[in-house]
Amino acid sequence: MGRHFGDLARIRHIITYSLSPFEQKAFANYFSKGIPNVWRRFSSQVFKVAPPFIVTYVTYTWGNHVHQQGKRKVAADYENDM
């Protein structure tokens, strides 16, 4: 048979490269480029995302408040009941 598991198919004109995981740096440029990039992306999108969330929160709390008021009994309606 002569073929090993990695050599089952013969593919022409495709070049593959691999790098050992021991030669990669897992946190390369994490503090120098990563955190400033996160801040830049956050600050550029916060004014597009935050207003709809704020409007939704205010509407939701207002609706819950009105619903709770509607469920309360009016004490003046029951003053003369015996």
N, C-alpha and C. Protein backbone atom coordinates (compact mmCIF):
# COMPACT_ATOMS: atom_id res chain seq x y z
N MET A 1 0.83 -1.18 0.00
CA MET A 1 0.00 0.00 0.00
C MET A 1 0.88 1.24 0.00
N GLY A 2 1.77 1.40 0.89
CA GLY A 2 2.76 2.47 0.83
C GLY A 2 2.28 3.86 1.20
N ARG A 3 1.00 4.11 1.27
CA ARG A 3 0.52 5.45 1.60
C ARG A 3 0.16 5.53 3.08
N HIS A 4 0.56 6.64 3.68
CA HIS A 4 0.22 6.90 5.08
C HIS A 4 -1.05 7.73 5.12
N PHE A 5 -1.60 7.92 6.30
CA PHE A 5 -2.88 8.61 6.43
C PHE A 5 -2.83 10.03 5.86
N GLY A 6 -1.72 10.74 6.05
CA GLY A 6 -1.61 12.11 5.56
C GLY A 6 -1.40 12.20 4.07
N ASP A 7 -1.06 11.09 3.41
CA ASP A 7 -0.78 11.09 1.98
C ASP A 7 -1.84 10.34 1.18
N LEU A 8 -3.07 10.39 1.60
CA LEU A 8 -4.11 9.64 0.90
C LEU A 8 -4.46 10.25 -0.44
N ALA A 9 -4.45 11.55 -0.56
CA ALA A 9 -4.81 12.21 -1.81
C ALA A 9 -3.61 12.97 -2.34
N ARG A 10 -3.50 13.01 -3.65
CA ARG A 10 -2.43 13.78 -4.28
C ARG A 10 -3.04 15.01 -4.91
N ILE A 11 -2.73 16.17 -4.38
CA ILE A 11 -3.30 17.43 -4.84
C ILE A 11 -2.19 18.25 -5.47
N ARG A 12 -2.42 18.69 -6.69
CA ARG A 12 -1.40 19.46 -7.39
C ARG A 12 -1.74 20.94 -7.36
N HIS A 13 -0.75 21.78 -7.41
CA HIS A 13 -0.85 23.23 -7.51
C HIS A 13 -1.46 23.88 -6.26
N ILE A 14 -1.45 23.22 -5.13
CA ILE A 14 -1.88 23.82 -3.87
C ILE A 14 -0.72 23.71 -2.90
N ILE A 15 -0.32 24.84 -2.39
CA ILE A 15 0.80 24.87 -1.45
C ILE A 15 0.25 25.16 -0.07
N THR A 16 0.59 24.35 0.89
CA THR A 16 0.15 24.55 2.27
C THR A 16 1.36 24.81 3.14
N TYR A 17 1.18 25.69 4.10
CA TYR A 17 2.22 26.02 5.06
C TYR A 17 1.66 25.77 6.45
N SER A 18 2.52 25.41 7.34
CA SER A 18 2.11 25.25 8.73
C SER A 18 3.21 25.76 9.64
N LEU A 19 2.81 26.20 10.78
CA LEU A 19 3.74 26.72 11.76
C LEU A 19 3.50 25.99 13.06
N SER A 20 4.54 25.62 13.69
CA SER A 20 4.43 24.90 14.95
C SER A 20 3.77 25.79 16.00
N PRO A 21 2.87 25.26 16.82
CA PRO A 21 2.27 26.08 17.87
C PRO A 21 3.28 26.53 18.90
N PHE A 22 4.43 25.88 18.95
CA PHE A 22 5.46 26.29 19.90
C PHE A 22 6.23 27.50 19.41
N GLU A 23 6.09 27.84 18.13
CA GLU A 23 6.79 29.00 17.58
C GLU A 23 5.89 30.22 17.47
N GLN A 24 4.62 30.10 17.83
CA GLN A 24 3.70 31.22 17.78
C GLN A 24 3.66 31.92 19.14
N LYS A 25 3.44 33.20 19.11
CA LYS A 25 3.26 33.96 20.34
C LYS A 25 1.77 34.18 20.54
N ALA A 26 1.24 33.62 21.60
CA ALA A 26 -0.20 33.67 21.83
C ALA A 26 -0.69 35.09 22.09
N PHE A 27 0.07 35.90 22.80
CA PHE A 27 -0.36 37.25 23.14
C PHE A 27 0.58 38.28 22.54
N ALA A 28 0.95 38.10 21.29
CA ALA A 28 1.84 39.05 20.63
C ALA A 28 1.12 40.38 20.44
N ASN A 29 1.72 41.47 20.86
CA ASN A 29 1.17 42.84 20.73
C ASN A 29 -0.18 42.99 21.42
N TYR A 30 -0.44 42.23 22.46
CA TYR A 30 -1.73 42.29 23.14
C TYR A 30 -1.95 43.65 23.80
N PHE A 31 -0.96 44.12 24.54
CA PHE A 31 -1.12 45.38 25.26
C PHE A 31 -0.82 46.58 24.39
N SER A 32 0.11 46.47 23.46
CA SER A 32 0.49 47.64 22.67
C SER A 32 -0.49 47.93 21.54
N LYS A 33 -1.10 46.89 20.95
CA LYS A 33 -2.01 47.11 19.84
C LYS A 33 -3.43 46.62 20.12
N GLY A 34 -3.59 45.62 20.93
CA GLY A 34 -4.90 45.02 21.15
C GLY A 34 -5.85 45.89 21.92
N ILE A 35 -5.42 46.38 23.08
CA ILE A 35 -6.29 47.19 23.93
C ILE A 35 -6.63 48.54 23.27
N PRO A 36 -5.66 49.25 22.67
CA PRO A 36 -6.06 50.47 21.96
C PRO A 36 -7.02 50.22 20.79
N ASN A 37 -6.89 49.08 20.13
CA ASN A 37 -7.81 48.75 19.04
C ASN A 37 -9.22 48.51 19.58
N VAL A 38 -9.31 47.83 20.72
CA VAL A 38 -10.63 47.61 21.33
C VAL A 38 -11.26 48.94 21.70
N TRP A 39 -10.48 49.84 22.28
CA TRP A 39 -11.01 51.14 22.68
C TRP A 39 -11.46 51.94 21.45
N ARG A 40 -10.69 51.90 20.38
CA ARG A 40 -11.05 52.63 19.16
C ARG A 40 -12.34 52.09 18.57
N ARG A 41 -12.48 50.78 18.52
CA ARG A 41 -13.69 50.18 17.96
C ARG A 41 -14.90 50.44 18.85
N PHE A 42 -14.71 50.40 20.17
CA PHE A 42 -15.81 50.67 21.10
C PHE A 42 -16.28 52.11 20.98
N SER A 43 -15.33 53.05 20.99
CA SER A 43 -15.71 54.46 20.96
C SER A 43 -16.33 54.86 19.62
N SER A 44 -15.99 54.15 18.54
CA SER A 44 -16.60 54.51 17.26
C SER A 44 -18.01 53.96 17.12
N GLN A 45 -18.39 52.94 17.88
CA GLN A 45 -19.70 52.32 17.74
C GLN A 45 -20.66 52.63 18.88
N VAL A 46 -20.17 53.18 19.99
CA VAL A 46 -21.03 53.34 21.16
C VAL A 46 -22.19 54.30 20.90
N PHE A 47 -21.99 55.32 20.10
CA PHE A 47 -23.06 56.28 19.84
C PHE A 47 -24.06 55.77 18.81
N LYS A 48 -23.75 54.67 18.14
CA LYS A 48 -24.70 54.04 17.24
C LYS A 48 -25.53 52.99 17.97
N VAL A 49 -24.97 52.37 18.98
CA VAL A 49 -25.62 51.25 19.66
C VAL A 49 -26.34 51.69 20.92
N ALA A 50 -25.77 52.59 21.69
CA ALA A 50 -26.32 52.96 23.00
C ALA A 50 -27.68 53.66 22.93
N PRO A 51 -27.94 54.62 22.05
CA PRO A 51 -29.24 55.29 22.07
C PRO A 51 -30.45 54.36 21.91
N PRO A 52 -30.44 53.39 21.00
CA PRO A 52 -31.60 52.49 20.95
C PRO A 52 -31.79 51.69 22.23
N PHE A 53 -30.68 51.27 22.86
CA PHE A 53 -30.80 50.54 24.12
C PHE A 53 -31.37 51.43 25.22
N ILE A 54 -30.95 52.68 25.26
CA ILE A 54 -31.44 53.61 26.29
C ILE A 54 -32.93 53.88 26.07
N VAL A 55 -33.33 54.13 24.83
CA VAL A 55 -34.75 54.38 24.54
C VAL A 55 -35.59 53.16 24.88
N THR A 56 -35.10 51.98 24.56
CA THR A 56 -35.83 50.75 24.88
C THR A 56 -35.96 50.56 26.38
N TYR A 57 -34.90 50.83 27.13
CA TYR A 57 -34.95 50.69 28.58
C TYR A 57 -35.94 51.67 29.20
N VAL A 58 -35.90 52.92 28.76
CA VAL A 58 -36.82 53.92 29.30
C VAL A 58 -38.26 53.57 28.97
N THR A 59 -38.52 53.12 27.75
CA THR A 59 -39.87 52.72 27.36
C THR A 59 -40.35 51.53 28.18
N TYR A 60 -39.48 50.57 28.39
CA TYR A 60 -39.83 49.37 29.16
C TYR A 60 -40.16 49.71 30.62
N THR A 61 -39.32 50.54 31.25
CA THR A 61 -39.59 50.91 32.65
C THR A 61 -40.85 51.76 32.75
N TRP A 62 -41.08 52.67 31.80
CA TRP A 62 -42.31 53.47 31.80
C TRP A 62 -43.53 52.57 31.66
N GLY A 63 -43.47 51.60 30.75
CA GLY A 63 -44.59 50.69 30.56
C GLY A 63 -44.87 49.86 31.80
N ASN A 64 -43.85 49.38 32.47
CA ASN A 64 -44.05 48.63 33.71
C ASN A 64 -44.66 49.50 34.79
N HIS A 65 -44.23 50.76 34.88
CA HIS A 65 -44.78 51.68 35.88
C HIS A 65 -46.26 51.95 35.61
N VAL A 66 -46.63 52.19 34.37
CA VAL A 66 -48.03 52.44 34.01
C VAL A 66 -48.86 51.18 34.26
N HIS A 67 -48.32 50.02 33.99
CA HIS A 67 -49.04 48.77 34.22
C HIS A 67 -49.31 48.56 35.71
N GLN A 68 -48.32 48.84 36.54
CA GLN A 68 -48.49 48.70 37.99
C GLN A 68 -49.53 49.70 38.51
N GLN A 69 -49.53 50.90 37.98
CA GLN A 69 -50.54 51.88 38.39
C GLN A 69 -51.93 51.43 37.98
N GLY A 70 -52.06 50.82 36.85
CA GLY A 70 -53.36 50.37 36.38
C GLY A 70 -53.90 49.20 37.20
N LYS A 71 -53.05 48.42 37.81
CA LYS A 71 -53.48 47.27 38.61
C LYS A 71 -53.92 47.66 40.01
N ARG A 72 -53.56 48.88 40.48
CA ARG A 72 -53.91 49.29 41.84
C ARG A 72 -55.39 49.61 41.96
N LYS A 73 -55.89 49.35 43.14
CA LYS A 73 -57.28 49.72 43.42
C LYS A 73 -57.33 51.17 43.88
N VAL A 74 -58.41 51.85 43.54
CA VAL A 74 -58.62 53.21 44.00
C VAL A 74 -59.39 53.12 45.31
N ALA A 75 -58.81 53.65 46.38
CA ALA A 75 -59.42 53.54 47.71
C ALA A 75 -60.74 54.30 47.79
N ALA A 76 -60.90 55.36 47.05
CA ALA A 76 -62.14 56.16 47.11
C ALA A 76 -63.35 55.38 46.58
N ASP A 77 -63.15 54.40 45.75
CA ASP A 77 -64.25 53.60 45.22
C ASP A 77 -64.85 52.68 46.27
N TYR A 78 -64.13 52.38 47.31
CA TYR A 78 -64.57 51.40 48.29
C TYR A 78 -64.79 52.01 49.68
N GLU A 79 -64.97 53.34 49.82
CA GLU A 79 -65.13 53.98 51.11
C GLU A 79 -66.47 53.62 51.76
N ASN A 80 -67.53 53.55 51.02
CA ASN A 80 -68.85 53.34 51.61
C ASN A 80 -69.32 51.89 51.58
N ASP A 81 -68.45 50.96 51.24
CA ASP A 81 -68.83 49.55 51.22
C ASP A 81 -68.91 49.01 52.65
N MET A 82 -69.84 48.14 52.87
CA MET A 82 -70.01 47.55 54.19
C MET A 82 -69.95 46.08 54.12
